[in-house]
Amino acid sequence: MIVKVLSIRNPWAWAIVHSTKRVENRTWTTKYRGPLLIHAAKGMTQQEYDDFRMFYEVDVYANSPMDAEQTPAPRMADLPRGGIVDRADLVDQIRTKK
């Protein structure tokens, strides 16, 4: 059995697994639909983490009341990198104009 894997830089991989991120932007297309593994890439810069924290705190917490499904954003040092962190289902693809 062939298993599809999507590599995503943290902290965005964490947001897909533990929070409200349900869309992943890519420049390529695929006809594949179904299960795939989420791989947290090894690379993550301080700037990427800082941008995520700003997005997470403003867009996630400010726009919806805190509930049991919302998990506080982890510290940068606590984010797993370089391995499979969960699975997801690819259900659709949206094409945008360039």
N, C-alpha and C. Protein backbone atom coordinates (compact mmCIF):
# COMPACT_ATOMS: atom_id res chain seq x y z
N MET A 1 0.84 -1.18 0.00
CA MET A 1 0.00 0.00 0.00
C MET A 1 0.88 1.25 0.00
N ILE A 2 0.58 2.17 -0.88
CA ILE A 2 1.32 3.42 -0.96
C ILE A 2 0.60 4.46 -0.10
N VAL A 3 1.35 5.12 0.76
CA VAL A 3 0.80 6.15 1.64
C VAL A 3 1.31 7.50 1.17
N LYS A 4 0.43 8.43 0.97
CA LYS A 4 0.79 9.79 0.57
C LYS A 4 1.19 10.58 1.82
N VAL A 5 2.17 11.46 1.65
CA VAL A 5 2.66 12.28 2.74
C VAL A 5 2.76 13.73 2.26
N LEU A 6 2.34 14.65 3.09
CA LEU A 6 2.46 16.07 2.79
C LEU A 6 3.36 16.70 3.84
N SER A 7 4.46 17.27 3.40
CA SER A 7 5.39 17.92 4.31
C SER A 7 5.00 19.39 4.47
N ILE A 8 4.85 19.81 5.72
CA ILE A 8 4.43 21.16 6.04
C ILE A 8 5.34 21.71 7.13
N ARG A 9 5.79 22.92 6.95
CA ARG A 9 6.66 23.53 7.96
C ARG A 9 5.83 23.86 9.20
N ASN A 10 6.42 23.60 10.35
CA ASN A 10 5.79 24.04 11.58
C ASN A 10 6.02 25.53 11.71
N PRO A 11 5.15 26.21 12.34
CA PRO A 11 4.05 25.80 13.19
C PRO A 11 2.74 25.51 12.45
N TRP A 12 2.75 25.59 11.12
CA TRP A 12 1.52 25.35 10.36
C TRP A 12 1.07 23.90 10.42
N ALA A 13 2.00 22.96 10.47
CA ALA A 13 1.61 21.55 10.64
C ALA A 13 0.86 21.37 11.96
N TRP A 14 1.37 22.01 13.01
CA TRP A 14 0.70 21.96 14.31
C TRP A 14 -0.72 22.53 14.21
N ALA A 15 -0.87 23.64 13.49
CA ALA A 15 -2.19 24.28 13.37
C ALA A 15 -3.19 23.40 12.65
N ILE A 16 -2.73 22.60 11.68
CA ILE A 16 -3.62 21.67 11.00
C ILE A 16 -4.05 20.56 11.96
N VAL A 17 -3.12 20.05 12.71
CA VAL A 17 -3.41 18.92 13.61
C VAL A 17 -4.19 19.35 14.85
N HIS A 18 -3.85 20.49 15.43
CA HIS A 18 -4.38 20.86 16.75
C HIS A 18 -5.31 22.08 16.79
N SER A 19 -5.47 22.75 15.67
CA SER A 19 -6.23 23.99 15.74
C SER A 19 -7.20 24.12 14.57
N THR A 20 -7.36 25.33 14.08
CA THR A 20 -8.40 25.63 13.11
C THR A 20 -7.94 25.69 11.66
N LYS A 21 -6.67 25.39 11.38
CA LYS A 21 -6.18 25.46 10.00
C LYS A 21 -6.71 24.27 9.21
N ARG A 22 -7.54 24.55 8.21
CA ARG A 22 -8.15 23.49 7.41
C ARG A 22 -7.77 23.59 5.94
N VAL A 23 -6.99 24.61 5.57
CA VAL A 23 -6.59 24.81 4.18
C VAL A 23 -5.08 24.92 4.12
N GLU A 24 -4.49 24.23 3.15
CA GLU A 24 -3.05 24.31 2.91
C GLU A 24 -2.85 24.81 1.50
N ASN A 25 -2.12 25.89 1.35
CA ASN A 25 -1.89 26.49 0.03
C ASN A 25 -0.67 25.88 -0.64
N ARG A 26 -0.85 25.49 -1.90
CA ARG A 26 0.23 24.93 -2.70
C ARG A 26 0.16 25.52 -4.11
N THR A 27 1.30 25.54 -4.79
CA THR A 27 1.32 26.04 -6.17
C THR A 27 1.01 24.95 -7.18
N TRP A 28 1.06 23.70 -6.77
CA TRP A 28 0.81 22.58 -7.67
C TRP A 28 -0.58 22.00 -7.43
N THR A 29 -1.03 21.23 -8.41
CA THR A 29 -2.34 20.60 -8.31
C THR A 29 -2.20 19.09 -8.19
N THR A 30 -3.25 18.43 -7.75
CA THR A 30 -3.26 16.98 -7.65
C THR A 30 -4.70 16.47 -7.83
N LYS A 31 -4.81 15.31 -8.42
CA LYS A 31 -6.12 14.68 -8.55
C LYS A 31 -6.40 13.76 -7.36
N TYR A 32 -5.38 13.56 -6.52
CA TYR A 32 -5.53 12.66 -5.38
C TYR A 32 -6.51 13.22 -4.36
N ARG A 33 -7.36 12.35 -3.84
CA ARG A 33 -8.24 12.66 -2.71
C ARG A 33 -8.18 11.47 -1.78
N GLY A 34 -8.11 11.72 -0.50
CA GLY A 34 -8.07 10.62 0.45
C GLY A 34 -7.09 10.88 1.58
N PRO A 35 -6.78 9.83 2.34
CA PRO A 35 -5.92 10.00 3.51
C PRO A 35 -4.48 10.31 3.13
N LEU A 36 -3.85 11.08 3.98
CA LEU A 36 -2.42 11.35 3.83
C LEU A 36 -1.83 11.63 5.21
N LEU A 37 -0.55 11.44 5.30
CA LEU A 37 0.16 11.71 6.56
C LEU A 37 0.68 13.13 6.53
N ILE A 38 0.66 13.78 7.69
CA ILE A 38 1.20 15.12 7.84
C ILE A 38 2.61 15.00 8.41
N HIS A 39 3.58 15.47 7.65
CA HIS A 39 4.98 15.45 8.05
C HIS A 39 5.39 16.86 8.45
N ALA A 40 5.90 17.02 9.66
CA ALA A 40 6.41 18.32 10.10
C ALA A 40 7.85 18.43 9.61
N ALA A 41 8.08 19.37 8.71
CA ALA A 41 9.42 19.56 8.15
C ALA A 41 10.41 19.96 9.25
N LYS A 42 11.68 19.73 8.99
CA LYS A 42 12.70 20.09 9.98
C LYS A 42 12.88 21.59 10.13
N GLY A 43 12.75 22.30 9.00
CA GLY A 43 13.02 23.73 9.02
C GLY A 43 11.92 24.56 9.63
N MET A 44 12.31 25.57 10.41
CA MET A 44 11.37 26.57 10.93
C MET A 44 12.23 27.72 11.45
N THR A 45 11.96 28.90 10.96
CA THR A 45 12.72 30.07 11.42
C THR A 45 11.97 30.78 12.54
N GLN A 46 12.69 31.60 13.25
CA GLN A 46 12.06 32.41 14.30
C GLN A 46 11.01 33.33 13.69
N GLN A 47 11.30 33.87 12.50
CA GLN A 47 10.35 34.76 11.83
C GLN A 47 9.06 34.02 11.48
N GLU A 48 9.17 32.77 10.99
CA GLU A 48 7.98 31.98 10.69
C GLU A 48 7.14 31.75 11.95
N TYR A 49 7.82 31.44 13.04
CA TYR A 49 7.12 31.21 14.30
C TYR A 49 6.44 32.49 14.79
N ASP A 50 7.16 33.61 14.71
CA ASP A 50 6.59 34.90 15.15
C ASP A 50 5.38 35.28 14.30
N ASP A 51 5.46 35.06 12.98
CA ASP A 51 4.33 35.36 12.10
C ASP A 51 3.12 34.49 12.47
N PHE A 52 3.39 33.23 12.76
CA PHE A 52 2.31 32.33 13.17
C PHE A 52 1.66 32.80 14.46
N ARG A 53 2.47 33.15 15.45
CA ARG A 53 1.91 33.60 16.73
C ARG A 53 1.02 34.82 16.55
N MET A 54 1.45 35.75 15.69
CA MET A 54 0.65 36.94 15.42
C MET A 54 -0.67 36.52 14.77
N PHE A 55 -0.63 35.67 13.77
CA PHE A 55 -1.83 35.19 13.11
C PHE A 55 -2.73 34.45 14.10
N TYR A 56 -2.15 33.54 14.86
CA TYR A 56 -2.92 32.69 15.75
C TYR A 56 -3.61 33.50 16.83
N GLU A 57 -2.88 34.40 17.45
CA GLU A 57 -3.45 35.18 18.54
C GLU A 57 -4.49 36.18 18.05
N VAL A 58 -4.28 36.76 16.89
CA VAL A 58 -5.21 37.76 16.38
C VAL A 58 -6.39 37.10 15.68
N ASP A 59 -6.12 36.23 14.70
CA ASP A 59 -7.19 35.66 13.89
C ASP A 59 -7.95 34.54 14.57
N VAL A 60 -7.30 33.71 15.33
CA VAL A 60 -7.98 32.58 15.95
C VAL A 60 -8.63 32.99 17.26
N TYR A 61 -7.85 33.52 18.19
CA TYR A 61 -8.41 33.85 19.50
C TYR A 61 -9.32 35.08 19.47
N ALA A 62 -8.96 36.08 18.71
CA ALA A 62 -9.75 37.30 18.70
C ALA A 62 -11.09 37.12 17.99
N ASN A 63 -11.15 36.24 17.02
CA ASN A 63 -12.37 36.09 16.21
C ASN A 63 -13.29 34.97 16.65
N SER A 64 -12.92 34.22 17.65
CA SER A 64 -13.82 33.18 18.14
C SER A 64 -13.60 32.99 19.63
N PRO A 65 -14.67 32.71 20.35
CA PRO A 65 -14.51 32.52 21.80
C PRO A 65 -13.70 31.27 22.11
N MET A 66 -12.95 31.31 23.17
CA MET A 66 -12.14 30.17 23.58
C MET A 66 -13.07 29.01 23.93
N ASP A 67 -12.78 27.85 23.38
CA ASP A 67 -13.57 26.67 23.71
C ASP A 67 -12.63 25.48 23.82
N ALA A 68 -13.21 24.32 24.06
CA ALA A 68 -12.40 23.12 24.30
C ALA A 68 -11.57 22.71 23.09
N GLU A 69 -11.98 23.13 21.88
CA GLU A 69 -11.25 22.73 20.68
C GLU A 69 -10.03 23.61 20.43
N GLN A 70 -9.97 24.76 21.04
CA GLN A 70 -8.83 25.65 20.82
C GLN A 70 -7.75 25.35 21.84
N THR A 71 -6.58 25.12 21.33
CA THR A 71 -5.43 24.81 22.15
C THR A 71 -4.48 25.99 22.12
N PRO A 72 -3.94 26.41 23.24
CA PRO A 72 -2.96 27.50 23.21
C PRO A 72 -1.78 27.13 22.31
N ALA A 73 -1.28 28.10 21.60
CA ALA A 73 -0.14 27.87 20.71
C ALA A 73 1.07 27.41 21.53
N PRO A 74 1.79 26.41 21.04
CA PRO A 74 2.95 25.89 21.76
C PRO A 74 4.16 26.82 21.65
N ARG A 75 5.10 26.62 22.54
CA ARG A 75 6.37 27.32 22.43
C ARG A 75 7.11 26.76 21.22
N MET A 76 7.96 27.55 20.61
CA MET A 76 8.71 27.12 19.44
C MET A 76 9.50 25.84 19.73
N ALA A 77 10.12 25.78 20.89
CA ALA A 77 10.95 24.62 21.26
C ALA A 77 10.14 23.34 21.42
N ASP A 78 8.83 23.46 21.63
CA ASP A 78 7.99 22.28 21.86
C ASP A 78 7.39 21.70 20.58
N LEU A 79 7.59 22.36 19.45
CA LEU A 79 7.03 21.86 18.20
C LEU A 79 7.87 20.73 17.63
N PRO A 80 7.26 19.58 17.33
CA PRO A 80 8.02 18.48 16.74
C PRO A 80 8.42 18.83 15.32
N ARG A 81 9.62 18.39 14.93
CA ARG A 81 10.09 18.65 13.57
C ARG A 81 10.79 17.42 13.03
N GLY A 82 10.67 17.23 11.72
CA GLY A 82 11.38 16.15 11.06
C GLY A 82 10.71 14.80 11.20
N GLY A 83 9.37 14.76 11.27
CA GLY A 83 8.69 13.48 11.40
C GLY A 83 7.20 13.59 11.16
N ILE A 84 6.55 12.43 11.11
CA ILE A 84 5.11 12.36 10.93
C ILE A 84 4.43 12.77 12.24
N VAL A 85 3.46 13.67 12.14
CA VAL A 85 2.77 14.14 13.34
C VAL A 85 1.30 13.75 13.40
N ASP A 86 0.71 13.38 12.28
CA ASP A 86 -0.70 12.97 12.28
C ASP A 86 -1.10 12.57 10.87
N ARG A 87 -2.41 12.35 10.70
CA ARG A 87 -2.95 12.07 9.37
C ARG A 87 -4.11 13.02 9.12
N ALA A 88 -4.42 13.20 7.84
CA ALA A 88 -5.53 14.07 7.45
C ALA A 88 -6.15 13.50 6.19
N ASP A 89 -7.24 14.06 5.78
CA ASP A 89 -7.88 13.65 4.53
C ASP A 89 -7.89 14.84 3.57
N LEU A 90 -7.36 14.62 2.37
CA LEU A 90 -7.43 15.62 1.32
C LEU A 90 -8.78 15.45 0.65
N VAL A 91 -9.64 16.45 0.79
CA VAL A 91 -11.02 16.30 0.30
C VAL A 91 -11.33 17.14 -0.92
N ASP A 92 -10.56 18.17 -1.18
CA ASP A 92 -10.86 19.01 -2.32
C ASP A 92 -9.65 19.89 -2.64
N GLN A 93 -9.76 20.56 -3.77
CA GLN A 93 -8.71 21.46 -4.22
C GLN A 93 -9.39 22.66 -4.85
N ILE A 94 -8.91 23.83 -4.54
CA ILE A 94 -9.46 25.04 -5.11
C ILE A 94 -8.38 25.71 -5.94
N ARG A 95 -8.69 25.98 -7.18
CA ARG A 95 -7.73 26.67 -8.04
C ARG A 95 -8.01 28.16 -7.98
N THR A 96 -6.95 28.93 -7.90
CA THR A 96 -7.08 30.37 -7.91
C THR A 96 -6.37 30.93 -9.13
N LYS A 97 -6.80 32.08 -9.56
CA LYS A 97 -6.15 32.73 -10.70
C LYS A 97 -4.84 33.32 -10.26
N LYS A 98 -3.88 33.31 -11.15
CA LYS A 98 -2.57 33.90 -10.83
C LYS A 98 -2.59 35.39 -10.96
